[in-house]
């Protein structure tokens, strides 16, 4: 499909819906709503932002971190989720998939069976979306190379 120049049309037809989550506040609200619906007992999220430094080239589309700080006599950990800024301009389903992926890391650190079961609980079509996202990113890279 890529060689026949049909992939862009296929992806547009399959994922026509864009999203309105364009800033960090909206992204935080979006992630917290998903967390409240599916992971009520997970640790709270302190920050969710779009990150311009996360790219396909760095093999990171999302990042889940816990930043520990000493406050008084206690160690406090803040949970942060960073989503690659390229998701500002992807179909809504791909943004949901990556946020679900990062939220699942609140409960499961490793990419194991329990992790993927949790992803499927939050997004039943998770594996297809993950595959289609990889196809979408391949298409985007091919378009960039074509325009150079």
Foldseek 3Di string as FASTA:
>chain_A
DLVVVCLVVVQCVVQVAADDQQFFVSLLVVLVVLCVVQPVPFDDADGEGEDQPDDVVVVDQKDWDWDWDDDPNDIHTHIYMYGHNVSSPDGPLLSQLVSLLRSLCSPPVDPDPSSVVSSCVSPVCNVVSVVVVVVVVVSVVVVVVVVD
